[in-house]
C-alpha atoms as a PDB file:
ATOM      1  CA  UNK A   1       0.000   0.000   0.000  1.00  0.00           C
ATOM      2  CA  UNK A   2       1.262   3.456  -0.903  1.00  0.00           C
ATOM      3  CA  UNK A   3       1.437   6.118   1.810  1.00  0.00           C
ATOM      4  CA  UNK A   4       1.614   9.693   0.510  1.00  0.00           C
ATOM      5  CA  UNK A   5       2.342  12.854   2.464  1.00  0.00           C
ATOM      6  CA  UNK A   6       0.828  16.213   1.650  1.00  0.00           C
ATOM      7  CA  UNK A   7       4.043  17.159  -0.184  1.00  0.00           C
ATOM      8  CA  UNK A   8       3.803  13.924  -2.190  1.00  0.00           C
ATOM      9  CA  UNK A   9       0.241  14.808  -3.235  1.00  0.00           C
ATOM     10  CA  UNK A  10       1.309  18.345  -4.107  1.00  0.00           C
ATOM     11  CA  UNK A  11       4.128  17.017  -6.295  1.00  0.00           C
ATOM     12  CA  UNK A  12       1.937  14.371  -7.884  1.00  0.00           C
ATOM     13  CA  UNK A  13      -1.091  16.445  -9.017  1.00  0.00           C
ATOM     14  CA  UNK A  14      -1.055  19.985 -10.427  1.00  0.00           C
ATOM     15  CA  UNK A  15      -3.919  22.462 -10.157  1.00  0.00           C
ATOM     16  CA  UNK A  16      -4.604  22.311 -13.905  1.00  0.00           C
ATOM     17  CA  UNK A  17      -4.738  18.513 -13.726  1.00  0.00           C
ATOM     18  CA  UNK A  18      -7.047  18.693 -10.701  1.00  0.00           C
ATOM     19  CA  UNK A  19      -9.454  21.028 -12.526  1.00  0.00           C
ATOM     20  CA  UNK A  20      -9.779  18.524 -15.365  1.00  0.00           C
ATOM     21  CA  UNK A  21     -10.356  15.776 -12.800  1.00  0.00           C
ATOM     22  CA  UNK A  22     -13.190  17.871 -11.341  1.00  0.00           C
ATOM     23  CA  UNK A  23     -14.861  17.910 -14.761  1.00  0.00           C
ATOM     24  CA  UNK A  24     -15.021  14.124 -14.789  1.00  0.00           C
ATOM     25  CA  UNK A  25     -15.965  13.901 -11.102  1.00  0.00           C
ATOM     26  CA  UNK A  26     -18.872  16.345 -11.254  1.00  0.00           C
ATOM     27  CA  UNK A  27     -20.219  14.972 -14.521  1.00  0.00           C
ATOM     28  CA  UNK A  28     -20.080  11.416 -13.149  1.00  0.00           C
ATOM     29  CA  UNK A  29     -21.799  12.488  -9.940  1.00  0.00           C
ATOM     30  CA  UNK A  30     -24.589  14.351 -11.742  1.00  0.00           C
ATOM     31  CA  UNK A  31     -25.207  11.537 -14.238  1.00  0.00           C
ATOM     32  CA  UNK A  32     -25.243   8.731 -11.662  1.00  0.00           C
ATOM     33  CA  UNK A  33     -21.942   7.211 -12.763  1.00  0.00           C
ATOM     34  CA  UNK A  34     -20.374   7.877  -9.364  1.00  0.00           C
ATOM     35  CA  UNK A  35     -21.863   7.776  -5.878  1.00  0.00           C
ATOM     36  CA  UNK A  36     -21.162   9.987  -2.860  1.00  0.00           C
ATOM     37  CA  UNK A  37     -23.624   9.511   0.026  1.00  0.00           C
ATOM     38  CA  UNK A  38     -24.225  12.441   2.341  1.00  0.00           C
ATOM     39  CA  UNK A  39     -21.336  12.754   4.764  1.00  0.00           C
ATOM     40  CA  UNK A  40     -21.686  11.680   8.375  1.00  0.00           C
ATOM     41  CA  UNK A  41     -21.152  14.442  10.936  1.00  0.00           C
ATOM     42  CA  UNK A  42     -19.817  13.944  14.448  1.00  0.00           C
ATOM     43  CA  UNK A  43     -19.986  17.169  16.441  1.00  0.00           C
ATOM     44  CA  UNK A  44     -17.350  17.761  19.132  1.00  0.00           C
ATOM     45  CA  UNK A  45     -18.998  20.583  21.090  1.00  0.00           C
ATOM     46  CA  UNK A  46     -16.374  20.823  23.833  1.00  0.00           C
ATOM     47  CA  UNK A  47     -13.912  22.037  21.176  1.00  0.00           C
ATOM     48  CA  UNK A  48     -16.405  23.694  18.808  1.00  0.00           C
ATOM     49  CA  UNK A  49     -15.242  21.161  16.237  1.00  0.00           C
ATOM     50  CA  UNK A  50     -16.599  18.586  13.816  1.00  0.00           C
ATOM     51  CA  UNK A  51     -15.475  15.241  12.408  1.00  0.00           C
ATOM     52  CA  UNK A  52     -16.730  14.221   8.963  1.00  0.00           C
ATOM     53  CA  UNK A  53     -16.709  10.804   7.274  1.00  0.00           C
ATOM     54  CA  UNK A  54     -17.149  10.688   3.499  1.00  0.00           C
ATOM     55  CA  UNK A  55     -17.290   7.573   1.271  1.00  0.00           C
ATOM     56  CA  UNK A  56     -17.439   7.423  -2.534  1.00  0.00           C
ATOM     57  CA  UNK A  57     -17.572   4.914  -5.373  1.00  0.00           C
ATOM     58  CA  UNK A  58     -16.577   5.433  -9.024  1.00  0.00           C
ATOM     59  CA  UNK A  59     -17.121   2.106 -10.853  1.00  0.00           C
ATOM     60  CA  UNK A  60     -15.626   3.313 -14.147  1.00  0.00           C
ATOM     61  CA  UNK A  61     -12.334   3.869 -12.344  1.00  0.00           C
ATOM     62  CA  UNK A  62     -12.673   0.664 -10.284  1.00  0.00           C
ATOM     63  CA  UNK A  63     -12.104   2.703  -7.164  1.00  0.00           C
ATOM     64  CA  UNK A  64     -13.631   3.259  -3.733  1.00  0.00           C
ATOM     65  CA  UNK A  65     -12.493   5.998  -1.379  1.00  0.00           C
ATOM     66  CA  UNK A  66     -13.066   7.073   2.190  1.00  0.00           C
ATOM     67  CA  UNK A  67     -12.087  10.412   3.673  1.00  0.00           C
ATOM     68  CA  UNK A  68     -12.040  11.265   7.366  1.00  0.00           C
ATOM     69  CA  UNK A  69     -11.846  14.982   8.181  1.00  0.00           C
ATOM     70  CA  UNK A  70     -11.635  16.998  11.379  1.00  0.00           C
ATOM     71  CA  UNK A  71     -12.536  20.695  11.337  1.00  0.00           C
ATOM     72  CA  UNK A  72     -11.300  22.790  14.274  1.00  0.00           C
ATOM     73  CA  UNK A  73     -11.990  26.501  13.565  1.00  0.00           C
ATOM     74  CA  UNK A  74     -10.285  27.529  16.809  1.00  0.00           C
ATOM     75  CA  UNK A  75      -6.943  26.300  15.476  1.00  0.00           C
ATOM     76  CA  UNK A  76      -6.663  29.416  13.322  1.00  0.00           C
ATOM     77  CA  UNK A  77      -5.996  31.606  16.362  1.00  0.00           C
ATOM     78  CA  UNK A  78      -2.975  29.461  17.190  1.00  0.00           C
ATOM     79  CA  UNK A  79      -1.688  29.504  13.622  1.00  0.00           C
ATOM     80  CA  UNK A  80      -2.587  25.833  13.133  1.00  0.00           C
ATOM     81  CA  UNK A  81      -4.481  24.268  10.214  1.00  0.00           C
ATOM     82  CA  UNK A  82      -8.227  24.230  10.813  1.00  0.00           C
ATOM     83  CA  UNK A  83      -8.657  21.077   8.716  1.00  0.00           C
ATOM     84  CA  UNK A  84      -6.920  17.710   9.108  1.00  0.00           C
ATOM     85  CA  UNK A  85      -7.792  14.802   6.851  1.00  0.00           C
ATOM     86  CA  UNK A  86      -6.837  11.325   5.679  1.00  0.00           C
ATOM     87  CA  UNK A  87      -7.944   9.701   2.421  1.00  0.00           C
ATOM     88  CA  UNK A  88      -7.920   5.972   1.709  1.00  0.00           C
ATOM     89  CA  UNK A  89      -8.235   4.443  -1.772  1.00  0.00           C
ATOM     90  CA  UNK A  90      -9.444   0.875  -2.386  1.00  0.00           C
ATOM     91  CA  UNK A  91      -9.664  -1.453  -5.374  1.00  0.00           C
ATOM     92  CA  UNK A  92     -13.416  -1.702  -6.023  1.00  0.00           C
ATOM     93  CA  UNK A  93     -13.165  -5.218  -7.473  1.00  0.00           C
ATOM     94  CA  UNK A  94     -11.392  -6.809  -4.512  1.00  0.00           C
ATOM     95  CA  UNK A  95     -11.726  -4.285  -1.682  1.00  0.00           C
ATOM     96  CA  UNK A  96      -7.941  -4.253  -1.304  1.00  0.00           C
ATOM     97  CA  UNK A  97      -6.555  -1.031   0.207  1.00  0.00           C
ATOM     98  CA  UNK A  98      -4.243   0.632  -2.312  1.00  0.00           C
ATOM     99  CA  UNK A  99      -3.242   3.903  -0.697  1.00  0.00           C
ATOM    100  CA  UNK A 100      -3.536   6.143   2.318  1.00  0.00           C
ATOM    101  CA  UNK A 101      -2.614   9.791   2.021  1.00  0.00           C
ATOM    102  CA  UNK A 102      -2.664  13.075   3.852  1.00  0.00           C
ATOM    103  CA  UNK A 103      -5.938  14.744   2.981  1.00  0.00           C
ATOM    104  CA  UNK A 104      -5.247  18.302   4.130  1.00  0.00           C
ATOM    105  CA  UNK A 105      -3.582  19.492   0.936  1.00  0.00           C
ATOM    106  CA  UNK A 106      -5.707  17.132  -1.163  1.00  0.00           C
ATOM    107  CA  UNK A 107      -8.866  18.731   0.279  1.00  0.00           C
ATOM    108  CA  UNK A 108      -7.564  22.215  -0.436  1.00  0.00           C
ATOM    109  CA  UNK A 109      -6.485  21.193  -3.940  1.00  0.00           C
ATOM    110  CA  UNK A 110      -9.778  19.633  -4.973  1.00  0.00           C
ATOM    111  CA  UNK A 111     -11.760  22.496  -3.396  1.00  0.00           C
ATOM    112  CA  UNK A 112      -9.689  25.069  -5.260  1.00  0.00           C
ATOM    113  CA  UNK A 113      -9.970  23.012  -8.434  1.00  0.00           C
ATOM    114  CA  UNK A 114     -13.768  22.868  -8.099  1.00  0.00           C
ATOM    115  CA  UNK A 115     -13.855  26.658  -7.824  1.00  0.00           C
ATOM    116  CA  UNK A 116     -11.492  26.850 -10.787  1.00  0.00           C
ATOM    117  CA  UNK A 117     -13.898  24.747 -12.831  1.00  0.00           C
ATOM    118  CA  UNK A 118     -16.886  26.807 -11.662  1.00  0.00           C
ATOM    119  CA  UNK A 119     -15.030  30.006 -12.542  1.00  0.00           C
ATOM    120  CA  UNK A 120     -14.222  28.614 -15.983  1.00  0.00           C
ATOM    121  CA  UNK A 121     -17.889  27.771 -16.597  1.00  0.00           C
ATOM    122  CA  UNK A 122     -19.575  30.753 -14.917  1.00  0.00           C
ATOM    123  CA  UNK A 123     -17.295  33.794 -14.546  1.00  0.00           C
ATOM    124  CA  UNK A 124     -16.857  36.602 -17.092  1.00  0.00           C
ATOM    125  CA  UNK A 125     -14.233  35.475 -19.640  1.00  0.00           C
ATOM    126  CA  UNK A 126     -12.135  38.615 -19.143  1.00  0.00           C
ATOM    127  CA  UNK A 127     -12.181  38.599 -15.321  1.00  0.00           C
ATOM    128  CA  UNK A 128      -8.878  40.041 -14.106  1.00  0.00           C
ATOM    129  CA  UNK A 129      -9.438  40.932 -10.430  1.00  0.00           C
ATOM    130  CA  UNK A 130     -10.309  38.446  -7.678  1.00  0.00           C
ATOM    131  CA  UNK A 131     -11.432  39.195  -4.122  1.00  0.00           C
ATOM    132  CA  UNK A 132     -10.470  36.686  -1.438  1.00  0.00           C
ATOM    133  CA  UNK A 133     -12.173  36.333   1.928  1.00  0.00           C
ATOM    134  CA  UNK A 134      -9.868  34.160   4.019  1.00  0.00           C
ATOM    135  CA  UNK A 135      -6.112  33.701   4.293  1.00  0.00           C
ATOM    136  CA  UNK A 136      -5.775  29.993   5.089  1.00  0.00           C
ATOM    137  CA  UNK A 137      -4.730  27.063   2.925  1.00  0.00           C
ATOM    138  CA  UNK A 138      -8.161  27.024   1.262  1.00  0.00           C
ATOM    139  CA  UNK A 139      -7.751  30.660   0.185  1.00  0.00           C
ATOM    140  CA  UNK A 140      -4.407  29.803  -1.400  1.00  0.00           C
ATOM    141  CA  UNK A 141      -5.872  27.099  -3.600  1.00  0.00           C
ATOM    142  CA  UNK A 142      -8.945  29.203  -4.375  1.00  0.00           C
ATOM    143  CA  UNK A 143      -6.609  31.786  -5.866  1.00  0.00           C
ATOM    144  CA  UNK A 144      -4.636  29.109  -7.700  1.00  0.00           C
ATOM    145  CA  UNK A 145      -7.807  27.599  -9.153  1.00  0.00           C
ATOM    146  CA  UNK A 146      -9.113  30.938 -10.417  1.00  0.00           C
ATOM    147  CA  UNK A 147      -5.711  31.906 -11.843  1.00  0.00           C
ATOM    148  CA  UNK A 148      -5.585  28.641 -13.793  1.00  0.00           C
ATOM    149  CA  UNK A 149      -8.666  29.593 -15.844  1.00  0.00           C
ATOM    150  CA  UNK A 150      -8.790  33.410 -15.960  1.00  0.00           C
ATOM    151  CA  UNK A 151      -6.212  36.147 -16.747  1.00  0.00           C
ATOM    152  CA  UNK A 152      -6.008  37.406 -13.162  1.00  0.00           C
ATOM    153  CA  UNK A 153      -3.792  40.467 -12.752  1.00  0.00           C
ATOM    154  CA  UNK A 154      -4.658  41.544  -9.201  1.00  0.00           C
ATOM    155  CA  UNK A 155      -6.030  40.058  -5.976  1.00  0.00           C
ATOM    156  CA  UNK A 156      -7.680  41.889  -3.087  1.00  0.00           C
ATOM    157  CA  UNK A 157      -7.600  40.177   0.308  1.00  0.00           C
ATOM    158  CA  UNK A 158     -10.254  41.072   2.865  1.00  0.00           C
ATOM    159  CA  UNK A 159      -8.500  41.071   6.190  1.00  0.00           C
ATOM    160  CA  UNK A 160      -9.646  39.981   9.617  1.00  0.00           C
ATOM    161  CA  UNK A 161      -6.156  39.688  11.065  1.00  0.00           C
ATOM    162  CA  UNK A 162      -3.968  42.386   9.425  1.00  0.00           C
ATOM    163  CA  UNK A 163      -0.735  40.618  10.378  1.00  0.00           C
ATOM    164  CA  UNK A 164      -1.774  37.298   8.844  1.00  0.00           C
ATOM    165  CA  UNK A 165      -3.267  39.036   5.807  1.00  0.00           C
ATOM    166  CA  UNK A 166      -0.049  40.963   5.181  1.00  0.00           C
ATOM    167  CA  UNK A 167       1.983  37.756   5.325  1.00  0.00           C
ATOM    168  CA  UNK A 168      -0.515  36.020   3.037  1.00  0.00           C
ATOM    169  CA  UNK A 169      -0.335  38.877   0.512  1.00  0.00           C
ATOM    170  CA  UNK A 170       3.463  38.705   0.343  1.00  0.00           C
ATOM    171  CA  UNK A 171       3.418  34.918  -0.096  1.00  0.00           C
ATOM    172  CA  UNK A 172       0.813  35.097  -2.857  1.00  0.00           C
ATOM    173  CA  UNK A 173       2.646  37.898  -4.657  1.00  0.00           C
ATOM    174  CA  UNK A 174       5.784  35.751  -4.680  1.00  0.00           C
ATOM    175  CA  UNK A 175       3.800  32.810  -6.052  1.00  0.00           C
ATOM    176  CA  UNK A 176       1.634  34.494  -8.682  1.00  0.00           C
ATOM    177  CA  UNK A 177       3.729  37.561  -9.583  1.00  0.00           C
ATOM    178  CA  UNK A 178       0.964  40.165  -9.553  1.00  0.00           C
ATOM    179  CA  UNK A 179      -0.213  42.646  -6.895  1.00  0.00           C
ATOM    180  CA  UNK A 180      -1.980  41.071  -3.909  1.00  0.00           C
ATOM    181  CA  UNK A 181      -3.292  43.777  -1.590  1.00  0.00           C
ATOM    182  CA  UNK A 182      -5.400  44.101   1.541  1.00  0.00           C
ATOM    183  CA  UNK A 183      -8.802  45.761   1.173  1.00  0.00           C
ATOM    184  CA  UNK A 184     -12.117  46.196   2.938  1.00  0.00           C
ATOM    185  CA  UNK A 185     -15.186  44.240   1.770  1.00  0.00           C
ATOM    186  CA  UNK A 186     -16.768  47.139  -0.145  1.00  0.00           C
ATOM    187  CA  UNK A 187     -13.552  48.074  -1.954  1.00  0.00           C
ATOM    188  CA  UNK A 188     -12.799  44.450  -2.838  1.00  0.00           C
ATOM    189  CA  UNK A 189     -16.253  43.701  -4.219  1.00  0.00           C
ATOM    190  CA  UNK A 190     -16.416  46.957  -6.153  1.00  0.00           C
ATOM    191  CA  UNK A 191     -13.327  46.013  -8.154  1.00  0.00           C
ATOM    192  CA  UNK A 192     -13.465  42.211  -8.395  1.00  0.00           C
ATOM    193  CA  UNK A 193     -15.197  40.178 -11.071  1.00  0.00           C
ATOM    194  CA  UNK A 194     -14.572  36.930  -9.154  1.00  0.00           C
ATOM    195  CA  UNK A 195     -15.103  36.559  -5.392  1.00  0.00           C
ATOM    196  CA  UNK A 196     -13.971  33.571  -3.316  1.00  0.00           C
ATOM    197  CA  UNK A 197     -15.101  33.067   0.280  1.00  0.00           C
ATOM    198  CA  UNK A 198     -13.077  30.490   2.207  1.00  0.00           C
ATOM    199  CA  UNK A 199     -13.574  31.438   5.843  1.00  0.00           C
ATOM    200  CA  UNK A 200     -14.744  30.015   9.150  1.00  0.00           C
ATOM    201  CA  UNK A 201     -17.277  32.858   9.496  1.00  0.00           C
ATOM    202  CA  UNK A 202     -20.732  32.038  10.828  1.00  0.00           C
ATOM    203  CA  UNK A 203     -22.428  35.173   9.432  1.00  0.00           C
ATOM    204  CA  UNK A 204     -22.226  36.877   6.008  1.00  0.00           C
ATOM    205  CA  UNK A 205     -18.817  38.346   5.256  1.00  0.00           C
ATOM    206  CA  UNK A 206     -20.159  41.199   3.108  1.00  0.00           C
ATOM    207  CA  UNK A 207     -23.370  43.173   2.576  1.00  0.00           C
ATOM    208  CA  UNK A 208     -25.625  42.428  -0.409  1.00  0.00           C
ATOM    209  CA  UNK A 209     -25.438  45.949  -1.825  1.00  0.00           C
ATOM    210  CA  UNK A 210     -21.675  45.539  -2.301  1.00  0.00           C
ATOM    211  CA  UNK A 211     -22.053  42.922  -5.063  1.00  0.00           C
ATOM    212  CA  UNK A 212     -21.843  44.308  -8.612  1.00  0.00           C
ATOM    213  CA  UNK A 213     -23.706  42.992 -11.642  1.00  0.00           C
ATOM    214  CA  UNK A 214     -21.699  40.377 -13.513  1.00  0.00           C
ATOM    215  CA  UNK A 215     -19.856  39.105 -10.439  1.00  0.00           C
ATOM    216  CA  UNK A 216     -19.134  35.421  -9.988  1.00  0.00           C
ATOM    217  CA  UNK A 217     -18.870  34.080  -6.410  1.00  0.00           C
ATOM    218  CA  UNK A 218     -17.293  30.819  -5.222  1.00  0.00           C
ATOM    219  CA  UNK A 219     -18.509  30.067  -1.677  1.00  0.00           C
ATOM    220  CA  UNK A 220     -16.690  27.154  -0.031  1.00  0.00           C
ATOM    221  CA  UNK A 221     -16.434  27.937   3.695  1.00  0.00           C
ATOM    222  CA  UNK A 222     -19.890  27.063   5.026  1.00  0.00           C
ATOM    223  CA  UNK A 223     -20.720  23.388   5.499  1.00  0.00           C
ATOM    224  CA  UNK A 224     -23.320  23.433   8.314  1.00  0.00           C
ATOM    225  CA  UNK A 225     -27.008  24.462   8.113  1.00  0.00           C
ATOM    226  CA  UNK A 226     -26.635  27.313  10.622  1.00  0.00           C
ATOM    227  CA  UNK A 227     -23.401  28.753   9.192  1.00  0.00           C
ATOM    228  CA  UNK A 228     -23.116  31.014   6.156  1.00  0.00           C
ATOM    229  CA  UNK A 229     -20.780  33.397   4.362  1.00  0.00           C
ATOM    230  CA  UNK A 230     -23.169  34.826   1.744  1.00  0.00           C
ATOM    231  CA  UNK A 231     -26.118  37.165   2.501  1.00  0.00           C
ATOM    232  CA  UNK A 232     -29.533  35.707   1.722  1.00  0.00           C
ATOM    233  CA  UNK A 233     -30.342  38.678  -0.515  1.00  0.00           C
ATOM    234  CA  UNK A 234     -27.263  37.930  -2.625  1.00  0.00           C
ATOM    235  CA  UNK A 235     -28.248  34.272  -2.901  1.00  0.00           C
ATOM    236  CA  UNK A 236     -31.738  35.334  -4.004  1.00  0.00           C
ATOM    237  CA  UNK A 237     -30.334  37.703  -6.641  1.00  0.00           C
ATOM    238  CA  UNK A 238     -27.853  35.189  -8.036  1.00  0.00           C
ATOM    239  CA  UNK A 239     -28.049  32.262 -10.415  1.00  0.00           C
ATOM    240  CA  UNK A 240     -27.064  29.478  -8.023  1.00  0.00           C
ATOM    241  CA  UNK A 241     -25.060  26.417  -9.050  1.00  0.00           C
ATOM    242  CA  UNK A 242     -23.947  23.688  -6.630  1.00  0.00           C
ATOM    243  CA  UNK A 243     -21.567  20.758  -6.478  1.00  0.00           C
ATOM    244  CA  UNK A 244     -24.244  18.336  -5.233  1.00  0.00           C
ATOM    245  CA  UNK A 245     -27.864  19.457  -4.940  1.00  0.00           C
ATOM    246  CA  UNK A 246     -28.982  17.205  -2.064  1.00  0.00           C
ATOM    247  CA  UNK A 247     -25.894  17.928   0.021  1.00  0.00           C
ATOM    248  CA  UNK A 248     -26.058  21.699  -0.426  1.00  0.00           C
ATOM    249  CA  UNK A 249     -29.781  21.923   0.283  1.00  0.00           C
ATOM    250  CA  UNK A 250     -29.252  19.824   3.421  1.00  0.00           C
ATOM    251  CA  UNK A 251     -25.929  21.098   4.769  1.00  0.00           C
ATOM    252  CA  UNK A 252     -25.111  24.543   3.393  1.00  0.00           C
ATOM    253  CA  UNK A 253     -26.327  27.411   5.550  1.00  0.00           C
ATOM    254  CA  UNK A 254     -25.775  29.716   2.574  1.00  0.00           C
ATOM    255  CA  UNK A 255     -28.843  28.012   1.059  1.00  0.00           C
ATOM    256  CA  UNK A 256     -30.637  26.532   4.077  1.00  0.00           C
ATOM    257  CA  UNK A 257     -31.017  29.886   5.866  1.00  0.00           C
ATOM    258  CA  UNK A 258     -32.539  31.834   2.934  1.00  0.00           C
ATOM    259  CA  UNK A 259     -34.775  28.818   2.282  1.00  0.00           C
ATOM    260  CA  UNK A 260     -36.095  29.044   5.841  1.00  0.00           C
ATOM    261  CA  UNK A 261     -36.466  32.816   5.492  1.00  0.00           C
ATOM    262  CA  UNK A 262     -38.577  32.396   2.365  1.00  0.00           C
ATOM    263  CA  UNK A 263     -36.097  34.303   0.199  1.00  0.00           C
ATOM    264  CA  UNK A 264     -35.662  31.351  -2.168  1.00  0.00           C
ATOM    265  CA  UNK A 265     -37.152  27.944  -2.921  1.00  0.00           C
ATOM    266  CA  UNK A 266     -35.276  24.742  -3.709  1.00  0.00           C
ATOM    267  CA  UNK A 267     -35.939  25.430  -7.400  1.00  0.00           C
ATOM    268  CA  UNK A 268     -33.700  28.490  -7.109  1.00  0.00           C
ATOM    269  CA  UNK A 269     -30.734  26.143  -7.583  1.00  0.00           C
ATOM    270  CA  UNK A 270     -30.231  26.282 -11.343  1.00  0.00           C
ATOM    271  CA  UNK A 271     -28.112  23.145 -11.670  1.00  0.00           C
ATOM    272  CA  UNK A 272     -25.316  21.022 -10.360  1.00  0.00           C
ATOM    273  CA  UNK A 273     -21.970  21.920 -11.875  1.00  0.00           C
ATOM    274  CA  UNK A 274     -21.827  18.459 -13.436  1.00  0.00           C
ATOM    275  CA  UNK A 275     -25.000  19.230 -15.382  1.00  0.00           C
ATOM    276  CA  UNK A 276     -23.266  22.260 -16.871  1.00  0.00           C
ATOM    277  CA  UNK A 277     -20.212  20.147 -17.740  1.00  0.00           C
ATOM    278  CA  UNK A 278     -22.480  17.557 -19.387  1.00  0.00           C
ATOM    279  CA  UNK A 279     -24.181  20.248 -21.484  1.00  0.00           C
ATOM    280  CA  UNK A 280     -27.581  19.690 -19.888  1.00  0.00           C
ATOM    281  CA  UNK A 281     -27.763  23.232 -18.488  1.00  0.00           C
ATOM    282  CA  UNK A 282     -26.023  26.399 -19.700  1.00  0.00           C
ATOM    283  CA  UNK A 283     -23.777  28.323 -17.352  1.00  0.00           C
ATOM    284  CA  UNK A 284     -23.594  32.116 -17.496  1.00  0.00           C
ATOM    285  CA  UNK A 285     -26.267  33.475 -19.835  1.00  0.00           C
ATOM    286  CA  UNK A 286     -25.526  37.203 -19.762  1.00  0.00           C
ATOM    287  CA  UNK A 287     -22.727  39.600 -18.748  1.00  0.00           C
ATOM    288  CA  UNK A 288     -24.962  41.150 -16.062  1.00  0.00           C
ATOM    289  CA  UNK A 289     -25.804  37.965 -14.177  1.00  0.00           C
ATOM    290  CA  UNK A 290     -24.531  37.383 -10.665  1.00  0.00           C
ATOM    291  CA  UNK A 291     -23.524  33.724 -10.491  1.00  0.00           C
ATOM    292  CA  UNK A 292     -22.884  31.787  -7.290  1.00  0.00           C
ATOM    293  CA  UNK A 293     -21.193  28.413  -6.981  1.00  0.00           C
ATOM    294  CA  UNK A 294     -21.905  26.853  -3.599  1.00  0.00           C
ATOM    295  CA  UNK A 295     -19.731  23.903  -2.671  1.00  0.00           C
ATOM    296  CA  UNK A 296     -19.743  21.688   0.402  1.00  0.00           C
ATOM    297  CA  UNK A 297     -17.448  19.125  -1.213  1.00  0.00           C
ATOM    298  CA  UNK A 298     -17.900  15.404  -1.753  1.00  0.00           C
ATOM    299  CA  UNK A 299     -15.771  12.300  -1.707  1.00  0.00           C
ATOM    300  CA  UNK A 300     -15.935  11.721  -5.478  1.00  0.00           C
ATOM    301  CA  UNK A 301     -13.734  14.807  -5.758  1.00  0.00           C
ATOM    302  CA  UNK A 302     -11.334  13.258  -3.265  1.00  0.00           C
ATOM    303  CA  UNK A 303     -11.467   9.905  -5.036  1.00  0.00           C
ATOM    304  CA  UNK A 304     -10.426  11.189  -8.461  1.00  0.00           C
ATOM    305  CA  UNK A 305      -7.580  13.322  -7.104  1.00  0.00           C
ATOM    306  CA  UNK A 306      -6.363  10.591  -4.744  1.00  0.00           C
ATOM    307  CA  UNK A 307      -6.482   8.009  -7.537  1.00  0.00           C
ATOM    308  CA  UNK A 308      -4.468  10.267  -9.839  1.00  0.00           C
ATOM    309  CA  UNK A 309      -1.993  10.984  -7.046  1.00  0.00           C
ATOM    310  CA  UNK A 310      -1.551   7.232  -6.589  1.00  0.00           C
ATOM    311  CA  UNK A 311      -1.058   6.673 -10.331  1.00  0.00           C
ATOM    312  CA  UNK A 312       1.486   9.468 -10.607  1.00  0.00           C
ATOM    313  CA  UNK A 313       3.231   8.343  -7.418  1.00  0.00           C
ATOM    314  CA  UNK A 314       3.688   4.859  -8.840  1.00  0.00           C
ATOM    315  CA  UNK A 315       5.376   6.237 -11.970  1.00  0.00           C
ATOM    316  CA  UNK A 316       7.143   9.191 -10.331  1.00  0.00           C
ATOM    317  CA  UNK A 317       8.579   7.485  -7.258  1.00  0.00           C
ATOM    318  CA  UNK A 318       6.593   9.516  -4.719  1.00  0.00           C
ATOM    319  CA  UNK A 319       5.591   8.254  -1.299  1.00  0.00           C
ATOM    320  CA  UNK A 320       6.382   5.127   0.671  1.00  0.00           C
ATOM    321  CA  UNK A 321       5.233   1.542   0.171  1.00  0.00           C
ATOM    322  CA  UNK A 322       4.178  -0.259   3.350  1.00  0.00           C
ATOM    323  CA  UNK A 323       3.030  -3.836   3.933  1.00  0.00           C
ATOM    324  CA  UNK A 324       0.245  -4.335   6.466  1.00  0.00           C
END
């Protein structure tokens, strides 16, 4: 069995490769060719934390996968990762375990790649400015995903901790070689054509009147019914696309809360992203539309990236082989 570290996964799968893997994952999920049951939640109230368990099956790839994730928002204050994860890959024909790998970077990679795909399908073609809410590992891959599909020339980072935001800006400037600057929510949304929210916030991170016509939003931070990043009025005004309809309508406070408030109905969700990939539903229909991609993530995404990481590790001499 192969064991891969986060660095091994990072070396094995590029962002561009991961975005193409998301195309196949979302199309398979939306057409019934892959299965990802709703995740199981285990709340850990004494630490304001959550454990998540996510299985998936992709028969065409002869693979099963299981991801276990812990989410500890309080870790951010100590400068620690808020998400820890492990992913296991199995041979679907025999049940034999093939690989176990660190899931922290893999989760960030596939989440950023999903937003990259959504941006490719839904954002204005000439988008050049991105606004980022969040400065953690998820924000890094959100920026990478958007930059892989649009000619981004500037990024605006909405700060909560100025010190961390300043450090993040310098790191991202060194990586992407364009200006990355701190800004307030209103300034960032006034200038950006693409907005990514990757925070641990429990309430909206901007006001609805700040969002300009033609904006595309990737919202990836909220994964519980009572937690949201996006104002209900913005959700109601936007064309909403999701990674998995049942999961988002059950788990995502960005949708669940405006549903309960009567601002939207379940039919307000235009389509799953896989339906757009498959050509069943168009993406952006006009330059003035506000589009919103809401993602809670699913294990089919993890499966395709983990499987590719395993394949590339076997040919590229990444990781360690262990015998159990």
